[in-house]
Amino acid sequence: MNMKINALMREDQGKGASRRLRREEKVPAIVYGAGKDPSAITLNIHEITHLLEKDGAFTSVLDLAIDKKTEPVIIKDLQRHPAKNCITHVDLLRINMKQTITTNIPLNFIGEDDNEAMRLGAILNQFINTVEVSCLPADMPNGIDVDISGLEIGDHISLTGLSLPEGVILTALTHDDIEAHDQSVVAVQEPKLMAEEIEEEIVETEGEEGEEGEDSAEGDEKEQGGDSDSEKS
């Protein structure tokens, strides 16, 4: 079932107009794309909040209704109040149902409870949580399942190991050199090994900071030395 969102056209723009709309429990928004001029619109705060509580709202084609006309859109960006966490602005992108779109899709890691290695203390290391895909709007999945139930210690799943719905393409694997872009998605590791990797990262970071500090100190000494020579002369 398609998700529908109602909107009204708006003429007033700017910070003052946006504040007035929010006091009226409305959310300023903009819809653009598909070769049409951008349109400033308003959404009902309760309707958009309720919509975003539904699974797949960010990865579904929405029916945007404006003045009895409906067009397909997706949520492109969302802004929230830093303290109240309420929605303050929404960007909607018009789409052509016959043209492919590029968007980010979340990964759903499943099978953790059935993984024997993890039951014995192994650690799951998730390298990425979303992937960029290209597909027709009608083929856009709400998420991509990654089954980790059969992974043993040392095993991993890369991008080429993901099971994709029909019609969905990973943009990272559209390059000529697939191996160079075939990054790891998830791995099962020994707790000790993972702790060592984290420690190595910390040491490397501290080492780089130390080198920067030494370089800065050497530069100061050279400057001081130069000043002394000038004074002697």
C-alpha atoms as a PDB file:
ATOM      1  CA  MET A   1       0.000   0.000   0.000  1.00  0.00           C
ATOM      2  CA  ASN A   2       1.353   3.416  -1.012  1.00  0.00           C
ATOM      3  CA  MET A   3       1.927   6.023   1.673  1.00  0.00           C
ATOM      4  CA  LYS A   4       0.175   9.330   1.083  1.00  0.00           C
ATOM      5  CA  ILE A   5       1.048  12.764   2.357  1.00  0.00           C
ATOM      6  CA  ASN A   6      -1.069  15.900   1.935  1.00  0.00           C
ATOM      7  CA  ALA A   7       0.399  19.341   1.362  1.00  0.00           C
ATOM      8  CA  LEU A   8      -0.604  22.939   0.649  1.00  0.00           C
ATOM      9  CA  MET A   9       1.186  25.481  -1.517  1.00  0.00           C
ATOM     10  CA  ARG A  10       2.693  28.423   0.368  1.00  0.00           C
ATOM     11  CA  GLU A  11       3.689  31.894  -0.714  1.00  0.00           C
ATOM     12  CA  ASP A  12       5.399  33.219   2.422  1.00  0.00           C
ATOM     13  CA  GLN A  13       9.015  32.185   2.819  1.00  0.00           C
ATOM     14  CA  GLY A  14      11.857  33.033   5.139  1.00  0.00           C
ATOM     15  CA  LYS A  15      12.605  32.440   8.815  1.00  0.00           C
ATOM     16  CA  GLY A  16       9.715  34.554  10.070  1.00  0.00           C
ATOM     17  CA  ALA A  17       7.187  32.723   7.892  1.00  0.00           C
ATOM     18  CA  SER A  18       8.616  29.356   8.949  1.00  0.00           C
ATOM     19  CA  ARG A  19       8.262  30.243  12.628  1.00  0.00           C
ATOM     20  CA  ARG A  20       4.632  31.251  12.088  1.00  0.00           C
ATOM     21  CA  LEU A  21       3.922  27.963  10.315  1.00  0.00           C
ATOM     22  CA  ARG A  22       5.431  25.946  13.156  1.00  0.00           C
ATOM     23  CA  ARG A  23       3.281  27.792  15.697  1.00  0.00           C
ATOM     24  CA  GLU A  24       0.315  26.680  13.593  1.00  0.00           C
ATOM     25  CA  GLU A  25       1.544  23.067  13.781  1.00  0.00           C
ATOM     26  CA  LYS A  26       2.668  23.095  10.169  1.00  0.00           C
ATOM     27  CA  VAL A  27       6.043  22.163   8.711  1.00  0.00           C
ATOM     28  CA  PRO A  28       7.662  24.134   5.874  1.00  0.00           C
ATOM     29  CA  ALA A  29       8.829  21.906   3.050  1.00  0.00           C
ATOM     30  CA  ILE A  30      10.025  22.011  -0.535  1.00  0.00           C
ATOM     31  CA  VAL A  31       9.470  19.637  -3.436  1.00  0.00           C
ATOM     32  CA  TYR A  32      11.765  19.657  -6.474  1.00  0.00           C
ATOM     33  CA  GLY A  33      13.103  17.498  -9.298  1.00  0.00           C
ATOM     34  CA  ALA A  34      11.751  15.763 -12.405  1.00  0.00           C
ATOM     35  CA  GLY A  35      12.532  18.810 -14.529  1.00  0.00           C
ATOM     36  CA  LYS A  36       9.993  21.007 -12.715  1.00  0.00           C
ATOM     37  CA  ASP A  37      10.523  24.203 -10.750  1.00  0.00           C
ATOM     38  CA  PRO A  38      10.823  23.807  -6.967  1.00  0.00           C
ATOM     39  CA  SER A  39       7.608  24.413  -5.046  1.00  0.00           C
ATOM     40  CA  ALA A  40       7.340  25.698  -1.475  1.00  0.00           C
ATOM     41  CA  ILE A  41       4.717  23.719   0.436  1.00  0.00           C
ATOM     42  CA  THR A  42       3.506  23.084   3.972  1.00  0.00           C
ATOM     43  CA  LEU A  43       2.821  19.771   5.708  1.00  0.00           C
ATOM     44  CA  ASN A  44       0.756  18.991   8.773  1.00  0.00           C
ATOM     45  CA  ILE A  45       3.135  18.290  11.677  1.00  0.00           C
ATOM     46  CA  HIS A  46       1.005  15.439  13.035  1.00  0.00           C
ATOM     47  CA  GLU A  47       0.579  13.767   9.654  1.00  0.00           C
ATOM     48  CA  ILE A  48       4.267  13.845   8.708  1.00  0.00           C
ATOM     49  CA  THR A  49       5.320  12.727  12.207  1.00  0.00           C
ATOM     50  CA  HIS A  50       2.916   9.776  12.063  1.00  0.00           C
ATOM     51  CA  LEU A  51       4.142   8.895   8.557  1.00  0.00           C
ATOM     52  CA  LEU A  52       7.784   8.807   9.626  1.00  0.00           C
ATOM     53  CA  GLU A  53       6.944   6.353  12.406  1.00  0.00           C
ATOM     54  CA  LYS A  54       6.099   3.750   9.758  1.00  0.00           C
ATOM     55  CA  ASP A  55       8.726   1.263   8.624  1.00  0.00           C
ATOM     56  CA  GLY A  56      10.101   2.109   5.222  1.00  0.00           C
ATOM     57  CA  ALA A  57       8.940   5.730   5.140  1.00  0.00           C
ATOM     58  CA  PHE A  58      12.431   6.881   4.136  1.00  0.00           C
ATOM     59  CA  THR A  59      12.816   4.168   1.484  1.00  0.00           C
ATOM     60  CA  SER A  60       9.369   4.201  -0.090  1.00  0.00           C
ATOM     61  CA  VAL A  61       7.725   6.138  -2.878  1.00  0.00           C
ATOM     62  CA  LEU A  62       5.194   8.514  -1.324  1.00  0.00           C
ATOM     63  CA  ASP A  63       2.077   9.931  -2.990  1.00  0.00           C
ATOM     64  CA  LEU A  64       2.265  13.699  -2.473  1.00  0.00           C
ATOM     65  CA  ALA A  65      -1.152  15.317  -2.856  1.00  0.00           C
ATOM     66  CA  ILE A  66      -1.217  19.073  -3.595  1.00  0.00           C
ATOM     67  CA  ASP A  67      -4.463  20.766  -4.609  1.00  0.00           C
ATOM     68  CA  LYS A  68      -6.028  17.463  -5.653  1.00  0.00           C
ATOM     69  CA  LYS A  69      -3.026  16.591  -7.830  1.00  0.00           C
ATOM     70  CA  THR A  70      -0.843  13.648  -6.812  1.00  0.00           C
ATOM     71  CA  GLU A  71       2.767  13.006  -7.761  1.00  0.00           C
ATOM     72  CA  PRO A  72       5.336  10.408  -6.616  1.00  0.00           C
ATOM     73  CA  VAL A  73       8.120  11.637  -4.340  1.00  0.00           C
ATOM     74  CA  ILE A  74      10.716  10.345  -1.897  1.00  0.00           C
ATOM     75  CA  ILE A  75      12.057  11.993   1.255  1.00  0.00           C
ATOM     76  CA  LYS A  76      15.446  13.445   0.343  1.00  0.00           C
ATOM     77  CA  ASP A  77      16.308  15.317   3.532  1.00  0.00           C
ATOM     78  CA  LEU A  78      14.845  16.000   6.936  1.00  0.00           C
ATOM     79  CA  GLN A  79      15.704  18.572   9.586  1.00  0.00           C
ATOM     80  CA  ARG A  80      14.801  18.364  13.268  1.00  0.00           C
ATOM     81  CA  HIS A  81      14.991  20.800  16.161  1.00  0.00           C
ATOM     82  CA  PRO A  82      18.244  20.054  18.053  1.00  0.00           C
ATOM     83  CA  ALA A  83      16.562  20.160  21.483  1.00  0.00           C
ATOM     84  CA  LYS A  84      12.915  19.248  20.895  1.00  0.00           C
ATOM     85  CA  ASN A  85      13.629  16.679  18.138  1.00  0.00           C
ATOM     86  CA  CYS A  86      10.517  17.837  16.267  1.00  0.00           C
ATOM     87  CA  ILE A  87      10.549  18.122  12.473  1.00  0.00           C
ATOM     88  CA  THR A  88      11.389  21.630  11.256  1.00  0.00           C
ATOM     89  CA  HIS A  89      11.808  21.170   7.481  1.00  0.00           C
ATOM     90  CA  VAL A  90      11.389  18.480   4.827  1.00  0.00           C
ATOM     91  CA  ASP A  91      12.909  18.156   1.353  1.00  0.00           C
ATOM     92  CA  LEU A  92      10.926  15.998  -1.088  1.00  0.00           C
ATOM     93  CA  LEU A  93      12.236  14.822  -4.453  1.00  0.00           C
ATOM     94  CA  ARG A  94       9.887  14.262  -7.376  1.00  0.00           C
ATOM     95  CA  ILE A  95      10.623  11.070  -9.261  1.00  0.00           C
ATOM     96  CA  ASN A  96       9.811   9.561 -12.631  1.00  0.00           C
ATOM     97  CA  MET A  97       8.559   6.015 -12.108  1.00  0.00           C
ATOM     98  CA  LYS A  98      10.122   5.016 -15.445  1.00  0.00           C
ATOM     99  CA  GLN A  99      13.603   6.292 -14.609  1.00  0.00           C
ATOM    100  CA  THR A 100      16.144   4.763 -12.241  1.00  0.00           C
ATOM    101  CA  ILE A 101      17.011   6.573  -9.039  1.00  0.00           C
ATOM    102  CA  THR A 102      20.051   6.393  -6.788  1.00  0.00           C
ATOM    103  CA  THR A 103      19.472   6.252  -3.046  1.00  0.00           C
ATOM    104  CA  ASN A 104      20.829   4.780   0.195  1.00  0.00           C
ATOM    105  CA  ILE A 105      19.214   1.628   1.581  1.00  0.00           C
ATOM    106  CA  PRO A 106      19.746   0.302   5.148  1.00  0.00           C
ATOM    107  CA  LEU A 107      21.210  -3.142   5.802  1.00  0.00           C
ATOM    108  CA  ASN A 108      19.313  -5.478   8.122  1.00  0.00           C
ATOM    109  CA  PHE A 109      21.659  -7.922   9.859  1.00  0.00           C
ATOM    110  CA  ILE A 110      19.718 -11.079  10.673  1.00  0.00           C
ATOM    111  CA  GLY A 111      20.574 -14.454  12.186  1.00  0.00           C
ATOM    112  CA  GLU A 112      22.677 -13.217  15.113  1.00  0.00           C
ATOM    113  CA  ASP A 113      20.771 -15.388  17.583  1.00  0.00           C
ATOM    114  CA  ASP A 114      21.477 -18.469  15.440  1.00  0.00           C
ATOM    115  CA  ASN A 115      25.197 -17.797  15.034  1.00  0.00           C
ATOM    116  CA  GLU A 116      27.141 -20.449  16.972  1.00  0.00           C
ATOM    117  CA  ALA A 117      30.416 -18.500  17.026  1.00  0.00           C
ATOM    118  CA  MET A 118      28.735 -15.460  18.551  1.00  0.00           C
ATOM    119  CA  ARG A 119      27.043 -17.634  21.151  1.00  0.00           C
ATOM    120  CA  LEU A 120      30.551 -18.692  22.193  1.00  0.00           C
ATOM    121  CA  GLY A 121      31.751 -15.093  22.529  1.00  0.00           C
ATOM    122  CA  ALA A 122      32.754 -14.005  19.032  1.00  0.00           C
ATOM    123  CA  ILE A 123      32.139 -10.382  18.080  1.00  0.00           C
ATOM    124  CA  LEU A 124      30.194  -9.071  15.092  1.00  0.00           C
ATOM    125  CA  ASN A 125      31.972  -6.192  13.373  1.00  0.00           C
ATOM    126  CA  GLN A 126      29.669  -4.158  11.107  1.00  0.00           C
ATOM    127  CA  PHE A 127      31.706  -2.007   8.739  1.00  0.00           C
ATOM    128  CA  ILE A 128      28.769  -0.317   6.985  1.00  0.00           C
ATOM    129  CA  ASN A 129      25.066   0.037   7.755  1.00  0.00           C
ATOM    130  CA  THR A 130      23.765   1.376   4.436  1.00  0.00           C
ATOM    131  CA  VAL A 131      24.561   0.866   0.756  1.00  0.00           C
ATOM    132  CA  GLU A 132      23.945   3.055  -2.262  1.00  0.00           C
ATOM    133  CA  VAL A 133      21.788   1.394  -4.895  1.00  0.00           C
ATOM    134  CA  SER A 134      20.362   2.196  -8.307  1.00  0.00           C
ATOM    135  CA  CYS A 135      16.934   0.911  -9.340  1.00  0.00           C
ATOM    136  CA  LEU A 136      13.528   1.825 -10.651  1.00  0.00           C
ATOM    137  CA  PRO A 137      11.337   3.436  -7.963  1.00  0.00           C
ATOM    138  CA  ALA A 138       8.971   0.467  -8.017  1.00  0.00           C
ATOM    139  CA  ASP A 139      11.899  -1.904  -7.261  1.00  0.00           C
ATOM    140  CA  MET A 140      13.316   0.139  -4.363  1.00  0.00           C
ATOM    141  CA  PRO A 141      13.587  -2.107  -1.278  1.00  0.00           C
ATOM    142  CA  ASN A 142      12.923  -0.890   2.265  1.00  0.00           C
ATOM    143  CA  GLY A 143      16.063  -2.726   3.367  1.00  0.00           C
ATOM    144  CA  ILE A 144      18.526  -5.433   2.377  1.00  0.00           C
ATOM    145  CA  ASP A 145      18.831  -8.480   4.629  1.00  0.00           C
ATOM    146  CA  VAL A 146      22.324  -9.738   5.479  1.00  0.00           C
ATOM    147  CA  ASP A 147      22.199 -13.267   6.929  1.00  0.00           C
ATOM    148  CA  ILE A 148      25.082 -13.785   9.372  1.00  0.00           C
ATOM    149  CA  SER A 149      23.786 -16.989  10.966  1.00  0.00           C
ATOM    150  CA  GLY A 150      26.338 -19.212   9.205  1.00  0.00           C
ATOM    151  CA  LEU A 151      29.450 -17.073   9.668  1.00  0.00           C
ATOM    152  CA  GLU A 152      32.320 -18.578  11.645  1.00  0.00           C
ATOM    153  CA  ILE A 153      35.221 -16.761  13.277  1.00  0.00           C
ATOM    154  CA  GLY A 154      37.264 -15.124  10.529  1.00  0.00           C
ATOM    155  CA  ASP A 155      34.433 -15.199   7.984  1.00  0.00           C
ATOM    156  CA  HIS A 156      33.130 -12.037   6.392  1.00  0.00           C
ATOM    157  CA  ILE A 157      30.576 -10.858   3.843  1.00  0.00           C
ATOM    158  CA  SER A 158      31.538  -8.301   1.220  1.00  0.00           C
ATOM    159  CA  LEU A 159      29.403  -6.259  -1.170  1.00  0.00           C
ATOM    160  CA  THR A 160      29.541  -8.989  -3.806  1.00  0.00           C
ATOM    161  CA  GLY A 161      28.171 -11.424  -1.223  1.00  0.00           C
ATOM    162  CA  LEU A 162      24.957  -9.484  -0.637  1.00  0.00           C
ATOM    163  CA  SER A 163      21.693 -10.929  -1.893  1.00  0.00           C
ATOM    164  CA  LEU A 164      19.908  -8.153  -3.776  1.00  0.00           C
ATOM    165  CA  PRO A 165      16.295  -7.980  -4.919  1.00  0.00           C
ATOM    166  CA  GLU A 166      15.713  -8.218  -8.643  1.00  0.00           C
ATOM    167  CA  GLY A 167      16.356  -4.948 -10.452  1.00  0.00           C
ATOM    168  CA  VAL A 168      18.547  -3.486  -7.695  1.00  0.00           C
ATOM    169  CA  ILE A 169      22.207  -2.681  -8.440  1.00  0.00           C
ATOM    170  CA  LEU A 170      24.962  -1.655  -6.020  1.00  0.00           C
ATOM    171  CA  THR A 171      26.530   1.490  -7.453  1.00  0.00           C
ATOM    172  CA  ALA A 172      29.898   0.623  -5.881  1.00  0.00           C
ATOM    173  CA  LEU A 173      30.090  -2.458  -8.104  1.00  0.00           C
ATOM    174  CA  THR A 174      29.382  -0.623 -11.357  1.00  0.00           C
ATOM    175  CA  HIS A 175      33.000   0.497 -11.649  1.00  0.00           C
ATOM    176  CA  ASP A 176      35.455  -1.274 -13.959  1.00  0.00           C
ATOM    177  CA  ASP A 177      37.649  -2.470 -11.071  1.00  0.00           C
ATOM    178  CA  ILE A 178      35.074  -4.326  -8.966  1.00  0.00           C
ATOM    179  CA  GLU A 179      37.667  -5.848  -6.617  1.00  0.00           C
ATOM    180  CA  ALA A 180      38.914  -2.401  -5.603  1.00  0.00           C
ATOM    181  CA  HIS A 181      35.386  -1.365  -4.572  1.00  0.00           C
ATOM    182  CA  ASP A 182      34.256  -4.684  -3.081  1.00  0.00           C
ATOM    183  CA  GLN A 183      34.504  -3.601   0.559  1.00  0.00           C
ATOM    184  CA  SER A 184      33.692  -5.753   3.567  1.00  0.00           C
ATOM    185  CA  VAL A 185      30.220  -5.336   5.000  1.00  0.00           C
ATOM    186  CA  VAL A 186      30.404  -7.461   8.150  1.00  0.00           C
ATOM    187  CA  ALA A 187      32.775  -9.941   9.814  1.00  0.00           C
ATOM    188  CA  VAL A 188      32.825 -12.273  12.808  1.00  0.00           C
ATOM    189  CA  GLN A 189      35.998 -11.874  14.863  1.00  0.00           C
ATOM    190  CA  GLU A 190      37.551 -13.090  18.084  1.00  0.00           C
ATOM    191  CA  PRO A 191      37.064 -10.591  20.922  1.00  0.00           C
ATOM    192  CA  LYS A 192      40.832 -10.414  21.495  1.00  0.00           C
ATOM    193  CA  LEU A 193      41.542  -9.765  17.812  1.00  0.00           C
ATOM    194  CA  MET A 194      38.971  -6.983  17.622  1.00  0.00           C
ATOM    195  CA  ALA A 195      40.350  -5.387  20.800  1.00  0.00           C
ATOM    196  CA  GLU A 196      43.867  -5.473  19.306  1.00  0.00           C
ATOM    197  CA  GLU A 197      42.629  -3.768  16.140  1.00  0.00           C
ATOM    198  CA  ILE A 198      40.981  -1.006  18.163  1.00  0.00           C
ATOM    199  CA  GLU A 199      44.170  -0.585  20.222  1.00  0.00           C
ATOM    200  CA  GLU A 200      46.269  -0.377  17.048  1.00  0.00           C
ATOM    201  CA  GLU A 201      43.982   2.335  15.692  1.00  0.00           C
ATOM    202  CA  ILE A 202      44.355   4.304  18.925  1.00  0.00           C
ATOM    203  CA  VAL A 203      48.168   3.951  18.863  1.00  0.00           C
ATOM    204  CA  GLU A 204      48.327   5.029  15.230  1.00  0.00           C
ATOM    205  CA  THR A 205      46.164   8.065  15.942  1.00  0.00           C
ATOM    206  CA  GLU A 206      48.268   9.065  18.962  1.00  0.00           C
ATOM    207  CA  GLY A 207      51.429   8.542  16.897  1.00  0.00           C
ATOM    208  CA  GLU A 208      50.203  10.851  14.177  1.00  0.00           C
ATOM    209  CA  GLU A 209      49.276  13.493  16.749  1.00  0.00           C
ATOM    210  CA  GLY A 210      52.708  13.115  18.352  1.00  0.00           C
ATOM    211  CA  GLU A 211      54.475  13.569  15.022  1.00  0.00           C
ATOM    212  CA  GLU A 212      52.466  16.703  14.362  1.00  0.00           C
ATOM    213  CA  GLY A 213      53.449  18.017  17.790  1.00  0.00           C
ATOM    214  CA  GLU A 214      57.147  17.266  17.143  1.00  0.00           C
ATOM    215  CA  ASP A 215      57.042  18.958  13.758  1.00  0.00           C
ATOM    216  CA  SER A 216      55.431  21.985  15.364  1.00  0.00           C
ATOM    217  CA  ALA A 217      58.058  22.056  18.137  1.00  0.00           C
ATOM    218  CA  GLU A 218      60.923  21.782  15.608  1.00  0.00           C
ATOM    219  CA  GLY A 219      59.420  24.631  13.645  1.00  0.00           C
ATOM    220  CA  ASP A 220      59.253  26.780  16.799  1.00  0.00           C
ATOM    221  CA  GLU A 221      62.889  25.990  17.622  1.00  0.00           C
ATOM    222  CA  LYS A 222      63.988  26.953  14.118  1.00  0.00           C
ATOM    223  CA  GLU A 223      62.048  30.201  14.355  1.00  0.00           C
ATOM    224  CA  GLN A 224      63.593  30.939  17.760  1.00  0.00           C
ATOM    225  CA  GLY A 225      67.031  30.107  16.417  1.00  0.00           C
ATOM    226  CA  GLY A 226      66.474  32.433  13.499  1.00  0.00           C
ATOM    227  CA  ASP A 227      65.477  35.239  15.851  1.00  0.00           C
ATOM    228  CA  SER A 228      68.638  34.741  17.922  1.00  0.00           C
ATOM    229  CA  ASP A 229      70.855  34.866  14.850  1.00  0.00           C
ATOM    230  CA  SER A 230      69.161  38.088  13.782  1.00  0.00           C
ATOM    231  CA  GLU A 231      69.749  39.617  17.183  1.00  0.00           C
ATOM    232  CA  LYS A 232      73.464  38.617  17.058  1.00  0.00           C
ATOM    233  CA  SER A 233      73.926  40.211  13.713  1.00  0.00           C
END
